[in-house]
C-alpha cells in the first residue's frame, strides 16, 4: 500500500499526522530561544577632558597625546581612538572581550592620575 492509497482509504490518519507535524513545528519554533539582538557588554572606557580656550592642536599635544602614552601600557587594549576639538578632547579605549573591566578601569585611572600633574592648570 503506497501513500496515495493510504490517503484515500484513511484520510483522518493523514490529517492527524499533518496536524502532529505542524504542532511539533510550532512548539519547536516557540521554544527555539534564538536572539537576534543578544545583550553584549562592550568593554569600552572613555576619557573626556576639557581645556577651555584651547584649540584642537593644543588639546591634542597637551592632553590627548600624554593620555594615550600613559594608557597604552594597560593590558588588554584592543583599539584606542582619540578626538580633539576646540576646548575638549575625547579618548575611547576598547578592550578585548576577555579583559576584566574592573581591573582595567583601575589601571586606566592610575595611569591618568600618574600624569595629571603634567596637564595645563585649566585642564580637567
PDB file of N, CA and C in Angstrom:
ATOM      1  N   UNK A   1       0.840  -1.163   0.000  1.00  0.00           N
ATOM      2  CA  UNK A   1       0.000   0.000   0.000  1.00  0.00           C
ATOM      3  C   UNK A   1       0.900   1.246   0.000  1.00  0.00           C
ATOM      4  N   UNK A   2       0.712   2.082  -0.994  1.00  0.00           N
ATOM      5  CA  UNK A   2       1.528   3.280  -1.055  1.00  0.00           C
ATOM      6  C   UNK A   2       0.791   4.456  -0.403  1.00  0.00           C
ATOM      7  N   UNK A   3       1.439   5.623  -0.395  1.00  0.00           N
ATOM      8  CA  UNK A   3       0.917   6.788   0.317  1.00  0.00           C
ATOM      9  C   UNK A   3      -0.396   7.280  -0.286  1.00  0.00           C
ATOM     10  N   UNK A   4      -0.565   7.119  -1.578  1.00  0.00           N
ATOM     11  CA  UNK A   4      -1.794   7.581  -2.220  1.00  0.00           C
ATOM     12  C   UNK A   4      -2.989   6.738  -1.766  1.00  0.00           C
ATOM     13  N   UNK A   5      -2.826   5.434  -1.765  1.00  0.00           N
ATOM     14  CA  UNK A   5      -3.924   4.560  -1.338  1.00  0.00           C
ATOM     15  C   UNK A   5      -4.255   4.803   0.137  1.00  0.00           C
ATOM     16  N   UNK A   6      -3.212   4.986   0.965  1.00  0.00           N
ATOM     17  CA  UNK A   6      -3.430   5.242   2.386  1.00  0.00           C
ATOM     18  C   UNK A   6      -4.188   6.549   2.599  1.00  0.00           C
ATOM     19  N   UNK A   7      -3.873   7.555   1.802  1.00  0.00           N
ATOM     20  CA  UNK A   7      -4.544   8.852   1.922  1.00  0.00           C
ATOM     21  C   UNK A   7      -6.011   8.761   1.541  1.00  0.00           C
ATOM     22  N   UNK A   8      -6.320   7.931   0.546  1.00  0.00           N
ATOM     23  CA  UNK A   8      -7.709   7.802   0.107  1.00  0.00           C
ATOM     24  C   UNK A   8      -8.500   6.945   1.080  1.00  0.00           C
ATOM     25  N   UNK A   9      -7.906   5.865   1.581  1.00  0.00           N
ATOM     26  CA  UNK A   9      -8.632   4.954   2.470  1.00  0.00           C
ATOM     27  C   UNK A   9      -8.745   5.495   3.892  1.00  0.00           C
ATOM     28  N   UNK A  10      -7.726   6.186   4.383  1.00  0.00           N
ATOM     29  CA  UNK A  10      -7.732   6.670   5.760  1.00  0.00           C
ATOM     30  C   UNK A  10      -7.347   8.174   5.799  1.00  0.00           C
ATOM     31  N   UNK A  11      -8.229   9.041   5.369  1.00  0.00           N
ATOM     32  CA  UNK A  11      -7.906  10.479   5.355  1.00  0.00           C
ATOM     33  C   UNK A  11      -7.729  11.060   6.767  1.00  0.00           C
ATOM     34  N   UNK A  12      -8.429  10.522   7.728  1.00  0.00           N
ATOM     35  CA  UNK A  12      -8.299  11.029   9.096  1.00  0.00           C
ATOM     36  C   UNK A  12      -6.900  10.785   9.637  1.00  0.00           C
ATOM     37  N   UNK A  13      -6.319   9.653   9.341  1.00  0.00           N
ATOM     38  CA  UNK A  13      -4.959   9.345   9.809  1.00  0.00           C
ATOM     39  C   UNK A  13      -3.943  10.307   9.193  1.00  0.00           C
ATOM     40  N   UNK A  14      -4.107  10.613   7.924  1.00  0.00           N
ATOM     41  CA  UNK A  14      -3.183  11.535   7.249  1.00  0.00           C
ATOM     42  C   UNK A  14      -3.350  12.944   7.822  1.00  0.00           C
ATOM     43  N   UNK A  15      -4.584  13.374   8.049  1.00  0.00           N
ATOM     44  CA  UNK A  15      -4.821  14.708   8.617  1.00  0.00           C
ATOM     45  C   UNK A  15      -4.227  14.793  10.022  1.00  0.00           C
ATOM     46  N   UNK A  16      -4.405  13.762  10.829  1.00  0.00           N
ATOM     47  CA  UNK A  16      -3.845  13.767  12.190  1.00  0.00           C
ATOM     48  C   UNK A  16      -2.309  13.784  12.145  1.00  0.00           C
ATOM     49  N   UNK A  17      -1.741  13.073  11.197  1.00  0.00           N
ATOM     50  CA  UNK A  17      -0.280  13.096  11.049  1.00  0.00           C
ATOM     51  C   UNK A  17       0.226  14.487  10.686  1.00  0.00           C
ATOM     52  N   UNK A  18      -0.462  15.164   9.782  1.00  0.00           N
ATOM     53  CA  UNK A  18      -0.069  16.524   9.390  1.00  0.00           C
ATOM     54  C   UNK A  18      -0.248  17.502  10.551  1.00  0.00           C
ATOM     55  N   UNK A  19      -1.344  17.347  11.311  1.00  0.00           N
ATOM     56  CA  UNK A  19      -1.557  18.208  12.476  1.00  0.00           C
ATOM     57  C   UNK A  19      -0.435  17.987  13.491  1.00  0.00           C
ATOM     58  N   UNK A  20      -0.032  16.745  13.677  1.00  0.00           N
ATOM     59  CA  UNK A  20       1.066  16.447  14.598  1.00  0.00           C
ATOM     60  C   UNK A  20       2.367  17.095  14.141  1.00  0.00           C
ATOM     61  N   UNK A  21       2.685  17.002  12.859  1.00  0.00           N
ATOM     62  CA  UNK A  21       3.917  17.604  12.332  1.00  0.00           C
ATOM     63  C   UNK A  21       3.885  19.122  12.466  1.00  0.00           C
ATOM     64  N   UNK A  22       2.766  19.748  12.114  1.00  0.00           N
ATOM     65  CA  UNK A  22       2.644  21.207  12.233  1.00  0.00           C
ATOM     66  C   UNK A  22       2.708  21.629  13.702  1.00  0.00           C
ATOM     67  N   UNK A  23       2.045  20.884  14.577  1.00  0.00           N
ATOM     68  CA  UNK A  23       2.073  21.198  16.013  1.00  0.00           C
ATOM     69  C   UNK A  23       3.477  21.112  16.587  1.00  0.00           C
ATOM     70  N   UNK A  24       4.226  20.078  16.228  1.00  0.00           N
ATOM     71  CA  UNK A  24       5.612  19.963  16.694  1.00  0.00           C
ATOM     72  C   UNK A  24       6.479  21.095  16.142  1.00  0.00           C
ATOM     73  N   UNK A  25       6.205  21.511  14.912  1.00  0.00           N
ATOM     74  CA  UNK A  25       6.941  22.635  14.337  1.00  0.00           C
ATOM     75  C   UNK A  25       6.682  23.930  15.089  1.00  0.00           C
ATOM     76  N   UNK A  26       5.425  24.170  15.453  1.00  0.00           N
ATOM     77  CA  UNK A  26       5.075  25.384  16.199  1.00  0.00           C
ATOM     78  C   UNK A  26       5.711  25.355  17.585  1.00  0.00           C
ATOM     79  N   UNK A  27       5.652  24.229  18.274  1.00  0.00           N
ATOM     80  CA  UNK A  27       6.269  24.110  19.598  1.00  0.00           C
ATOM     81  C   UNK A  27       7.780  24.308  19.502  1.00  0.00           C
ATOM     82  N   UNK A  28       8.386  23.735  18.489  1.00  0.00           N
ATOM     83  CA  UNK A  28       9.825  23.905  18.304  1.00  0.00           C
ATOM     84  C   UNK A  28      10.212  25.341  18.022  1.00  0.00           C
ATOM     85  N   UNK A  29       9.412  26.029  17.214  1.00  0.00           N
ATOM     86  CA  UNK A  29       9.690  27.423  16.891  1.00  0.00           C
ATOM     87  C   UNK A  29       9.562  28.317  18.116  1.00  0.00           C
ATOM     88  N   UNK A  30       8.531  28.104  18.907  1.00  0.00           N
ATOM     89  CA  UNK A  30       8.314  28.928  20.103  1.00  0.00           C
ATOM     90  C   UNK A  30       9.444  28.730  21.109  1.00  0.00           C
ATOM     91  N   UNK A  31       9.936  27.523  21.252  1.00  0.00           N
ATOM     92  CA  UNK A  31      10.986  27.228  22.230  1.00  0.00           C
ATOM     93  C   UNK A  31      12.384  27.298  21.646  1.00  0.00           C
ATOM     94  N   UNK A  32      12.552  27.878  20.479  1.00  0.00           N
ATOM     95  CA  UNK A  32      13.833  27.916  19.795  1.00  0.00           C
ATOM     96  C   UNK A  32      14.884  28.669  20.603  1.00  0.00           C
ATOM     97  N   UNK A  33      14.544  29.798  21.152  1.00  0.00           N
ATOM     98  CA  UNK A  33      15.460  30.529  22.022  1.00  0.00           C
ATOM     99  C   UNK A  33      16.524  31.311  21.295  1.00  0.00           C
ATOM    100  N   UNK A  34      16.402  31.534  20.018  1.00  0.00           N
ATOM    101  CA  UNK A  34      17.384  32.342  19.298  1.00  0.00           C
ATOM    102  C   UNK A  34      17.095  33.816  19.559  1.00  0.00           C
ATOM    103  N   UNK A  35      18.150  34.589  19.731  1.00  0.00           N
ATOM    104  CA  UNK A  35      18.003  36.010  19.990  1.00  0.00           C
ATOM    105  C   UNK A  35      18.734  36.763  18.890  1.00  0.00           C
ATOM    106  N   UNK A  36      18.012  37.566  18.136  1.00  0.00           N
ATOM    107  CA  UNK A  36      18.625  38.289  17.041  1.00  0.00           C
ATOM    108  C   UNK A  36      19.512  39.424  17.525  1.00  0.00           C
ATOM    109  N   UNK A  37      19.207  39.999  18.670  1.00  0.00           N
ATOM    110  CA  UNK A  37      19.980  41.085  19.230  1.00  0.00           C
ATOM    111  C   UNK A  37      20.377  40.729  20.663  1.00  0.00           C
ATOM    112  N   UNK A  38      21.384  39.882  20.837  1.00  0.00           N
ATOM    113  CA  UNK A  38      21.759  39.477  22.184  1.00  0.00           C
ATOM    114  C   UNK A  38      22.369  40.644  22.965  1.00  0.00           C
ATOM    115  N   UNK A  39      22.226  40.579  24.255  1.00  0.00           N
ATOM    116  CA  UNK A  39      22.786  41.606  25.130  1.00  0.00           C
ATOM    117  C   UNK A  39      24.293  41.398  25.240  1.00  0.00           C
ATOM    118  N   UNK A  40      25.048  42.399  24.819  1.00  0.00           N
ATOM    119  CA  UNK A  40      26.507  42.321  24.848  1.00  0.00           C
ATOM    120  C   UNK A  40      27.039  43.558  25.554  1.00  0.00           C
ATOM    121  N   UNK A  41      27.869  43.352  26.549  1.00  0.00           N
ATOM    122  CA  UNK A  41      28.524  44.467  27.215  1.00  0.00           C
ATOM    123  C   UNK A  41      29.874  44.687  26.548  1.00  0.00           C
ATOM    124  N   UNK A  42      29.959  45.749  25.775  1.00  0.00           N
ATOM    125  CA  UNK A  42      31.191  46.055  25.065  1.00  0.00           C
ATOM    126  C   UNK A  42      32.181  46.658  26.044  1.00  0.00           C
ATOM    127  N   UNK A  43      33.399  46.108  26.107  1.00  0.00           N
ATOM    128  CA  UNK A  43      34.386  46.606  27.068  1.00  0.00           C
ATOM    129  C   UNK A  43      35.050  47.897  26.586  1.00  0.00           C
ATOM    130  N   UNK A  44      34.424  49.019  26.896  1.00  0.00           N
ATOM    131  CA  UNK A  44      34.923  50.326  26.467  1.00  0.00           C
ATOM    132  C   UNK A  44      35.052  51.254  27.668  1.00  0.00           C
ATOM    133  N   UNK A  45      36.145  52.001  27.689  1.00  0.00           N
ATOM    134  CA  UNK A  45      36.336  53.075  28.671  1.00  0.00           C
ATOM    135  C   UNK A  45      36.568  54.345  27.868  1.00  0.00           C
ATOM    136  N   UNK A  46      35.874  55.407  28.233  1.00  0.00           N
ATOM    137  CA  UNK A  46      36.077  56.678  27.546  1.00  0.00           C
ATOM    138  C   UNK A  46      36.585  57.712  28.543  1.00  0.00           C
ATOM    139  N   UNK A  47      37.503  58.540  28.054  1.00  0.00           N
ATOM    140  CA  UNK A  47      38.112  59.590  28.872  1.00  0.00           C
ATOM    141  C   UNK A  47      37.820  60.917  28.178  1.00  0.00           C
ATOM    142  N   UNK A  48      37.132  61.790  28.888  1.00  0.00           N
ATOM    143  CA  UNK A  48      36.811  63.102  28.339  1.00  0.00           C
ATOM    144  C   UNK A  48      37.584  64.148  29.118  1.00  0.00           C
ATOM    145  N   UNK A  49      38.218  65.043  28.403  1.00  0.00           N
ATOM    146  CA  UNK A  49      38.975  66.113  29.045  1.00  0.00           C
ATOM    147  C   UNK A  49      38.580  67.448  28.429  1.00  0.00           C
ATOM    148  N   UNK A  50      38.621  68.479  29.248  1.00  0.00           N
ATOM    149  CA  UNK A  50      38.291  69.818  28.766  1.00  0.00           C
ATOM    150  C   UNK A  50      39.440  70.763  29.072  1.00  0.00           C
ATOM    151  N   UNK A  51      39.615  71.709  28.176  1.00  0.00           N
ATOM    152  CA  UNK A  51      40.638  72.737  28.333  1.00  0.00           C
ATOM    153  C   UNK A  51      40.070  73.991  27.667  1.00  0.00           C
ATOM    154  N   UNK A  52      39.346  74.809  28.446  1.00  0.00           N
ATOM    155  CA  UNK A  52      38.661  75.972  27.872  1.00  0.00           C
ATOM    156  C   UNK A  52      39.624  76.927  27.167  1.00  0.00           C
ATOM    157  N   UNK A  53      39.234  77.343  25.978  1.00  0.00           N
ATOM    158  CA  UNK A  53      40.003  78.321  25.231  1.00  0.00           C
ATOM    159  C   UNK A  53      41.127  77.743  24.397  1.00  0.00           C
ATOM    160  N   UNK A  54      41.368  76.452  24.454  1.00  0.00           N
ATOM    161  CA  UNK A  54      42.462  75.846  23.699  1.00  0.00           C
ATOM    162  C   UNK A  54      41.951  75.338  22.359  1.00  0.00           C
ATOM    163  N   UNK A  55      42.809  75.374  21.376  1.00  0.00           N
ATOM    164  CA  UNK A  55      42.461  74.858  20.059  1.00  0.00           C
ATOM    165  C   UNK A  55      42.652  73.349  19.996  1.00  0.00           C
ATOM    166  N   UNK A  56      42.212  72.765  18.912  1.00  0.00           N
ATOM    167  CA  UNK A  56      42.276  71.316  18.753  1.00  0.00           C
ATOM    168  C   UNK A  56      43.719  70.807  18.756  1.00  0.00           C
ATOM    169  N   UNK A  57      44.637  71.538  18.118  1.00  0.00           N
ATOM    170  CA  UNK A  57      46.031  71.104  18.076  1.00  0.00           C
ATOM    171  C   UNK A  57      46.667  71.153  19.468  1.00  0.00           C
ATOM    172  N   UNK A  58      46.339  72.182  20.221  1.00  0.00           N
ATOM    173  CA  UNK A  58      46.887  72.307  21.574  1.00  0.00           C
ATOM    174  C   UNK A  58      46.321  71.221  22.488  1.00  0.00           C
ATOM    175  N   UNK A  59      45.053  70.921  22.380  1.00  0.00           N
ATOM    176  CA  UNK A  59      44.439  69.827  23.147  1.00  0.00           C
ATOM    177  C   UNK A  59      45.126  68.512  22.793  1.00  0.00           C
ATOM    178  N   UNK A  60      45.350  68.310  21.499  1.00  0.00           N
ATOM    179  CA  UNK A  60      45.972  67.069  21.048  1.00  0.00           C
ATOM    180  C   UNK A  60      47.386  66.924  21.618  1.00  0.00           C
ATOM    181  N   UNK A  61      48.155  67.986  21.598  1.00  0.00           N
ATOM    182  CA  UNK A  61      49.539  67.911  22.069  1.00  0.00           C
ATOM    183  C   UNK A  61      49.644  67.883  23.594  1.00  0.00           C
ATOM    184  N   UNK A  62      48.838  68.682  24.286  1.00  0.00           N
ATOM    185  CA  UNK A  62      48.976  68.831  25.739  1.00  0.00           C
ATOM    186  C   UNK A  62      48.186  67.815  26.552  1.00  0.00           C
ATOM    187  N   UNK A  63      47.118  67.264  26.002  1.00  0.00           N
ATOM    188  CA  UNK A  63      46.262  66.379  26.789  1.00  0.00           C
ATOM    189  C   UNK A  63      46.122  64.986  26.166  1.00  0.00           C
ATOM    190  N   UNK A  64      45.715  64.928  24.896  1.00  0.00           N
ATOM    191  CA  UNK A  64      45.425  63.637  24.273  1.00  0.00           C
ATOM    192  C   UNK A  64      46.673  62.770  24.150  1.00  0.00           C
ATOM    193  N   UNK A  65      47.750  63.322  23.657  1.00  0.00           N
ATOM    194  CA  UNK A  65      48.978  62.534  23.473  1.00  0.00           C
ATOM    195  C   UNK A  65      49.507  61.981  24.800  1.00  0.00           C
ATOM    196  N   UNK A  66      49.576  62.781  25.884  1.00  0.00           N
ATOM    197  CA  UNK A  66      50.018  62.203  27.164  1.00  0.00           C
ATOM    198  C   UNK A  66      49.064  61.115  27.687  1.00  0.00           C
ATOM    199  N   UNK A  67      47.756  61.293  27.478  1.00  0.00           N
ATOM    200  CA  UNK A  67      46.810  60.262  27.918  1.00  0.00           C
ATOM    201  C   UNK A  67      47.037  58.977  27.135  1.00  0.00           C
ATOM    202  N   UNK A  68      47.177  59.082  25.821  1.00  0.00           N
ATOM    203  CA  UNK A  68      47.421  57.894  25.011  1.00  0.00           C
ATOM    204  C   UNK A  68      48.713  57.189  25.401  1.00  0.00           C
ATOM    205  N   UNK A  69      49.773  57.974  25.654  1.00  0.00           N
ATOM    206  CA  UNK A  69      51.053  57.370  26.037  1.00  0.00           C
ATOM    207  C   UNK A  69      50.949  56.659  27.384  1.00  0.00           C
ATOM    208  N   UNK A  70      50.241  57.265  28.337  1.00  0.00           N
ATOM    209  CA  UNK A  70      50.128  56.669  29.671  1.00  0.00           C
ATOM    210  C   UNK A  70      49.242  55.431  29.657  1.00  0.00           C
ATOM    211  N   UNK A  71      48.161  55.472  28.914  1.00  0.00           N
ATOM    212  CA  UNK A  71      47.202  54.377  28.916  1.00  0.00           C
ATOM    213  C   UNK A  71      47.662  53.210  28.041  1.00  0.00           C
ATOM    214  N   UNK A  72      48.554  53.457  27.111  1.00  0.00           N
ATOM    215  CA  UNK A  72      48.976  52.390  26.197  1.00  0.00           C
ATOM    216  C   UNK A  72      49.646  51.223  26.912  1.00  0.00           C
ATOM    217  N   UNK A  73      50.098  51.417  28.125  1.00  0.00           N
ATOM    218  CA  UNK A  73      50.720  50.337  28.885  1.00  0.00           C
ATOM    219  C   UNK A  73      49.732  49.421  29.587  1.00  0.00           C
ATOM    220  N   UNK A  74      48.462  49.745  29.581  1.00  0.00           N
ATOM    221  CA  UNK A  74      47.444  48.926  30.230  1.00  0.00           C
ATOM    222  C   UNK A  74      47.221  47.668  29.391  1.00  0.00           C
ATOM    223  N   UNK A  75      47.124  46.525  30.044  1.00  0.00           N
ATOM    224  CA  UNK A  75      46.969  45.265  29.326  1.00  0.00           C
ATOM    225  C   UNK A  75      45.532  45.072  28.843  1.00  0.00           C
ATOM    226  N   UNK A  76      45.388  44.409  27.707  1.00  0.00           N
ATOM    227  CA  UNK A  76      44.085  44.053  27.181  1.00  0.00           C
ATOM    228  C   UNK A  76      43.481  45.048  26.215  1.00  0.00           C
ATOM    229  N   UNK A  77      44.219  46.084  25.828  1.00  0.00           N
ATOM    230  CA  UNK A  77      43.679  47.092  24.922  1.00  0.00           C
ATOM    231  C   UNK A  77      43.607  46.510  23.510  1.00  0.00           C
ATOM    232  N   UNK A  78      42.440  46.681  22.888  1.00  0.00           N
ATOM    233  CA  UNK A  78      42.254  46.242  21.509  1.00  0.00           C
ATOM    234  C   UNK A  78      42.477  47.415  20.555  1.00  0.00           C
ATOM    235  N   UNK A  79      41.744  48.495  20.753  1.00  0.00           N
ATOM    236  CA  UNK A  79      41.921  49.703  19.938  1.00  0.00           C
ATOM    237  C   UNK A  79      41.784  50.939  20.817  1.00  0.00           C
ATOM    238  N   UNK A  80      42.388  52.031  20.335  1.00  0.00           N
ATOM    239  CA  UNK A  80      42.289  53.309  21.045  1.00  0.00           C
ATOM    240  C   UNK A  80      42.092  54.397  19.989  1.00  0.00           C
ATOM    241  N   UNK A  81      41.042  55.206  20.171  1.00  0.00           N
ATOM    242  CA  UNK A  81      40.739  56.293  19.246  1.00  0.00           C
ATOM    243  C   UNK A  81      40.607  57.586  20.045  1.00  0.00           C
ATOM    244  N   UNK A  82      41.099  58.663  19.477  1.00  0.00           N
ATOM    245  CA  UNK A  82      41.009  59.959  20.145  1.00  0.00           C
ATOM    246  C   UNK A  82      40.476  61.001  19.186  1.00  0.00           C
ATOM    247  N   UNK A  83      39.750  61.941  19.766  1.00  0.00           N
ATOM    248  CA  UNK A  83      39.201  63.065  19.011  1.00  0.00           C
ATOM    249  C   UNK A  83      39.471  64.320  19.824  1.00  0.00           C
ATOM    250  N   UNK A  84      39.895  65.369  19.133  1.00  0.00           N
ATOM    251  CA  UNK A  84      40.082  66.633  19.830  1.00  0.00           C
ATOM    252  C   UNK A  84      39.394  67.734  19.048  1.00  0.00           C
ATOM    253  N   UNK A  85      38.845  68.656  19.785  1.00  0.00           N
ATOM    254  CA  UNK A  85      38.165  69.799  19.191  1.00  0.00           C
ATOM    255  C   UNK A  85      38.508  71.041  19.995  1.00  0.00           C
ATOM    256  N   UNK A  86      37.831  72.109  19.708  1.00  0.00           N
ATOM    257  CA  UNK A  86      38.094  73.358  20.414  1.00  0.00           C
ATOM    258  C   UNK A  86      37.572  73.234  21.838  1.00  0.00           C
ATOM    259  N   UNK A  87      38.468  73.150  22.787  1.00  0.00           N
ATOM    260  CA  UNK A  87      38.122  73.119  24.200  1.00  0.00           C
ATOM    261  C   UNK A  87      37.875  71.743  24.792  1.00  0.00           C
ATOM    262  N   UNK A  88      37.957  70.676  23.995  1.00  0.00           N
ATOM    263  CA  UNK A  88      37.709  69.354  24.560  1.00  0.00           C
ATOM    264  C   UNK A  88      38.555  68.287  23.852  1.00  0.00           C
ATOM    265  N   UNK A  89      38.762  67.194  24.548  1.00  0.00           N
ATOM    266  CA  UNK A  89      39.411  66.017  23.983  1.00  0.00           C
ATOM    267  C   UNK A  89      38.685  64.778  24.461  1.00  0.00           C
ATOM    268  N   UNK A  90      38.650  63.760  23.628  1.00  0.00           N
ATOM    269  CA  UNK A  90      37.877  62.563  23.936  1.00  0.00           C
ATOM    270  C   UNK A  90      38.681  61.357  23.480  1.00  0.00           C
ATOM    271  N   UNK A  91      38.943  60.438  24.391  1.00  0.00           N
ATOM    272  CA  UNK A  91      39.685  59.219  24.073  1.00  0.00           C
ATOM    273  C   UNK A  91      38.810  58.022  24.395  1.00  0.00           C
ATOM    274  N   UNK A  92      38.655  57.112  23.436  1.00  0.00           N
ATOM    275  CA  UNK A  92      37.865  55.897  23.607  1.00  0.00           C
ATOM    276  C   UNK A  92      38.819  54.713  23.549  1.00  0.00           C
ATOM    277  N   UNK A  93      38.840  53.926  24.620  1.00  0.00           N
ATOM    278  CA  UNK A  93      39.722  52.768  24.721  1.00  0.00           C
ATOM    279  C   UNK A  93      38.842  51.525  24.697  1.00  0.00           C
ATOM    280  N   UNK A  94      39.023  50.686  23.688  1.00  0.00           N
ATOM    281  CA  UNK A  94      38.253  49.451  23.588  1.00  0.00           C
ATOM    282  C   UNK A  94      39.171  48.288  23.959  1.00  0.00           C
ATOM    283  N   UNK A  95      38.664  47.439  24.834  1.00  0.00           N
ATOM    284  CA  UNK A  95      39.430  46.296  25.325  1.00  0.00           C
ATOM    285  C   UNK A  95      38.947  45.013  24.666  1.00  0.00           C
ATOM    286  N   UNK A  96      39.750  43.956  24.785  1.00  0.00           N
ATOM    287  CA  UNK A  96      39.325  42.649  24.289  1.00  0.00           C
ATOM    288  C   UNK A  96      38.176  42.150  25.160  1.00  0.00           C
ATOM    289  N   UNK A  97      37.392  41.227  24.632  1.00  0.00           N
ATOM    290  CA  UNK A  97      36.204  40.735  25.349  1.00  0.00           C
ATOM    291  C   UNK A  97      36.568  39.965  26.618  1.00  0.00           C
ATOM    292  N   UNK A  98      37.788  39.458  26.711  1.00  0.00           N
ATOM    293  CA  UNK A  98      38.179  38.661  27.877  1.00  0.00           C
ATOM    294  C   UNK A  98      38.792  39.503  28.987  1.00  0.00           C
ATOM    295  N   UNK A  99      38.890  40.803  28.792  1.00  0.00           N
ATOM    296  CA  UNK A  99      39.520  41.672  29.782  1.00  0.00           C
ATOM    297  C   UNK A  99      38.610  41.875  30.990  1.00  0.00           C
ATOM    298  N   UNK A 100      39.188  41.828  32.183  1.00  0.00           N
ATOM    299  CA  UNK A 100      38.455  42.139  33.417  1.00  0.00           C
ATOM    300  C   UNK A 100      38.312  43.655  33.491  1.00  0.00           C
ATOM    301  N   UNK A 101      37.094  44.150  33.282  1.00  0.00           N
ATOM    302  CA  UNK A 101      36.890  45.589  33.188  1.00  0.00           C
ATOM    303  C   UNK A 101      37.064  46.307  34.518  1.00  0.00           C
ATOM    304  N   UNK A 102      36.828  45.645  35.632  1.00  0.00           N
ATOM    305  CA  UNK A 102      37.052  46.289  36.928  1.00  0.00           C
ATOM    306  C   UNK A 102      38.531  46.622  37.096  1.00  0.00           C
ATOM    307  N   UNK A 103      39.395  45.684  36.746  1.00  0.00           N
ATOM    308  CA  UNK A 103      40.830  45.926  36.837  1.00  0.00           C
ATOM    309  C   UNK A 103      41.274  46.944  35.788  1.00  0.00           C
ATOM    310  N   UNK A 104      40.670  46.904  34.604  1.00  0.00           N
ATOM    311  CA  UNK A 104      41.040  47.834  33.541  1.00  0.00           C
ATOM    312  C   UNK A 104      40.695  49.272  33.916  1.00  0.00           C
ATOM    313  N   UNK A 105      39.545  49.484  34.538  1.00  0.00           N
ATOM    314  CA  UNK A 105      39.161  50.833  34.964  1.00  0.00           C
ATOM    315  C   UNK A 105      40.159  51.367  35.987  1.00  0.00           C
ATOM    316  N   UNK A 106      40.540  50.534  36.918  1.00  0.00           N
ATOM    317  CA  UNK A 106      41.507  50.950  37.940  1.00  0.00           C
ATOM    318  C   UNK A 106      42.853  51.256  37.304  1.00  0.00           C
ATOM    319  N   UNK A 107      43.295  50.420  36.353  1.00  0.00           N
ATOM    320  CA  UNK A 107      44.575  50.646  35.693  1.00  0.00           C
ATOM    321  C   UNK A 107      44.579  51.938  34.879  1.00  0.00           C
ATOM    322  N   UNK A 108      43.489  52.208  34.165  1.00  0.00           N
ATOM    323  CA  UNK A 108      43.402  53.440  33.377  1.00  0.00           C
ATOM    324  C   UNK A 108      43.371  54.647  34.302  1.00  0.00           C
ATOM    325  N   UNK A 109      42.634  54.535  35.385  1.00  0.00           N
ATOM    326  CA  UNK A 109      42.555  55.646  36.330  1.00  0.00           C
ATOM    327  C   UNK A 109      43.928  55.933  36.956  1.00  0.00           C
ATOM    328  N   UNK A 110      44.656  54.892  37.306  1.00  0.00           N
ATOM    329  CA  UNK A 110      46.001  55.078  37.864  1.00  0.00           C
ATOM    330  C   UNK A 110      46.937  55.695  36.833  1.00  0.00           C
ATOM    331  N   UNK A 111      46.842  55.257  35.591  1.00  0.00           N
ATOM    332  CA  UNK A 111      47.702  55.799  34.542  1.00  0.00           C
ATOM    333  C   UNK A 111      47.431  57.287  34.331  1.00  0.00           C
ATOM    334  N   UNK A 112      46.176  57.684  34.340  1.00  0.00           N
ATOM    335  CA  UNK A 112      45.845  59.097  34.139  1.00  0.00           C
ATOM    336  C   UNK A 112      46.204  59.920  35.371  1.00  0.00           C
ATOM    337  N   UNK A 113      45.987  59.369  36.561  1.00  0.00           N
ATOM    338  CA  UNK A 113      46.379  60.080  37.780  1.00  0.00           C
ATOM    339  C   UNK A 113      47.885  60.294  37.839  1.00  0.00           C
ATOM    340  N   UNK A 114      48.640  59.374  37.257  1.00  0.00           N
ATOM    341  CA  UNK A 114      50.098  59.496  37.261  1.00  0.00           C
ATOM    342  C   UNK A 114      50.613  60.633  36.402  1.00  0.00           C
ATOM    343  N   UNK A 115      49.839  61.054  35.416  1.00  0.00           N
ATOM    344  CA  UNK A 115      50.287  62.146  34.544  1.00  0.00           C
ATOM    345  C   UNK A 115      49.457  63.412  34.729  1.00  0.00           C
ATOM    346  N   UNK A 116      48.546  63.430  35.679  1.00  0.00           N
ATOM    347  CA  UNK A 116      47.647  64.567  35.862  1.00  0.00           C
ATOM    348  C   UNK A 116      48.399  65.865  36.168  1.00  0.00           C
ATOM    349  N   UNK A 117      49.555  65.768  36.801  1.00  0.00           N
ATOM    350  CA  UNK A 117      50.314  66.981  37.132  1.00  0.00           C
ATOM    351  C   UNK A 117      50.979  67.598  35.896  1.00  0.00           C
ATOM    352  N   UNK A 118      51.031  66.885  34.790  1.00  0.00           N
ATOM    353  CA  UNK A 118      51.632  67.390  33.555  1.00  0.00           C
ATOM    354  C   UNK A 118      50.639  68.136  32.686  1.00  0.00           C
ATOM    355  N   UNK A 119      49.353  68.052  33.021  1.00  0.00           N
ATOM    356  CA  UNK A 119      48.329  68.759  32.249  1.00  0.00           C
ATOM    357  C   UNK A 119      48.387  70.256  32.559  1.00  0.00           C
ATOM    358  N   UNK A 120      47.921  71.089  31.633  1.00  0.00           N
ATOM    359  CA  UNK A 120      47.827  72.517  31.921  1.00  0.00           C
ATOM    360  C   UNK A 120      46.904  72.775  33.113  1.00  0.00           C
ATOM    361  N   UNK A 121      47.096  73.877  33.777  1.00  0.00           N
ATOM    362  CA  UNK A 121      46.373  74.151  35.021  1.00  0.00           C
ATOM    363  C   UNK A 121      44.880  74.247  34.825  1.00  0.00           C
ATOM    364  N   UNK A 122      44.409  74.776  33.716  1.00  0.00           N
ATOM    365  CA  UNK A 122      42.972  74.934  33.478  1.00  0.00           C
ATOM    366  C   UNK A 122      42.299  73.681  32.922  1.00  0.00           C
ATOM    367  N   UNK A 123      43.078  72.672  32.622  1.00  0.00           N
ATOM    368  CA  UNK A 123      42.514  71.456  32.016  1.00  0.00           C
ATOM    369  C   UNK A 123      41.884  70.562  33.085  1.00  0.00           C
ATOM    370  N   UNK A 124      40.799  69.916  32.712  1.00  0.00           N
ATOM    371  CA  UNK A 124      40.149  68.959  33.605  1.00  0.00           C
ATOM    372  C   UNK A 124      39.996  67.641  32.900  1.00  0.00           C
TER     373      UNK A 124
END
